[in-house]
C-alpha cells in the first residue's frame, strides 16, 4: 500500500510537470500563432500608407506640374518682355543711325512743306526730326550749306565787333557813341543769327520750320531798325527832336513789318515777291530823313556830312539782293545747276553782309566827322 501511495505521489508531480510542460508548449504555440497576425497588421499599415501615398502622390505631382508651368510662363513672359525692350532699343538705335546717315534727295521727293524753290533740283535735306541732326548737317554739303555758313560767319564777325566797341575806354569813345553802334551791331547779330538758325533747323518739321521762318523775317526788320539808329543820331546830332521823331517812326514801321511777318501765309513760296517788297519799302523810308537833311544843310553836303554815298551803296546792295531773291536769279535761267553754289538766296546773304559792313563804314565816317566838329552851335530862338 505504501508503495502505491508513493507511486501516486511520484506520479502527480510528474503529471504536474507534464501539465506545465504542455501548457508552456501551448503558450509558445499561441505566441507563434500571434506573430503572423502582427505581421499582417504591419503589412496592412504599410499598404494603407502606400495607398495614402498613392492618393496624395498625384496631388503633389499636379502641384509640382502647376508650379513648373507657372514658372515656365513667368520665364516666357520675362523673355518676351526683354526681347521687346531689346527690339525697341535696337529700333531706336537704327533711327538714330538713320538720322546720322541720311542722304540728300531730289526736290520732288521732299514733302510739300519743304518744297520752296523748284529750280533747285538736287541736294536737298530730307526731314530730320531731330535738332541734333539738323545742327550736325551744318558740316554736310546740301542746298542750305551756303545759306547757313554765310550768315553764321557774319553773325560771328559782328559779335566780335560788339565786344571790341564795348571794351573801348571812355576817353576814346563815350557811352552814347558806344550805345548807338552796339544797337546797330545787335540788329545785325539778331538778323544773321535768326537766319542761320532758320536755315539750319527748318527741315526739322513743318511746325519748327514755320516758327523759325517768322523769327528770320523779324530779324530783317530788327536789322533795318538798328541800321537807322546811328545814322539818325549822327545825321541830326544837333537836332535831337528830329532824330527822336524819325526814330519813333522807324520803330513803328518796323513793328508793323514784324506783325506782317508773323502772318502764317507770309512764308509761302508764292509770296516771295511780297516779302522782298515789304522789307525793301521799309528800308526806303530812309529817303525821307535824307531829303530833310538835304533841305536844311544842302543836298551836296549829304555826301560829306551823312556819308550819303556809302548809304546809297548800302541801299543798292540790299535792293539788289532782294530782287535776286524775289526773282530767283540765276537758278531760274540755269535750273539744276545752282543747287549747291551761286543760288539766289546765297547771293542775297552775301549782299546783306556786304551792305551791313558798308553801312558800318558809312556811320563810322559820319561819327568821325560829327565828333570832330565839337559841340553843337547854339541857334538863336525864333521869336
Foldseek 3Di string as FASTA:
>chain_A
DVVVVVVVVVVVVVVVVVVVVVVVVVVVVVVVVCVVVVVVVVVVVVVVVVVVCVVCVVVVVVVVVVVVVVVVVVVVVVVVVVVVVVVVVVVVVVLVVCLQPPDKAFLVPEPPLPNQDNLQTTFHGHANQDLVSLVVCCPPFGLLVLQQVLLVVLLVVLVVVLVVLVPDDCVVPNPVRNVLSNQLSVLSNQQSVLSNSLSRCLSNDSVVNLVSQLSNQLSLLSNLLSLLRLLLCLLVVVPVVVSVVVSVVLVVLSVVSSVVSNPSCCPHSVNLLVSLVSSLVSNVVVVVVLVVSCVVPNNVCCCQQRVVVLVVLLSVLQNVLSVCRSVFPPSVVVRNPCGRHDTSSSSSSNSNSVSSVSSVVRSVSNVVVSVVVPDDDDDDDDD
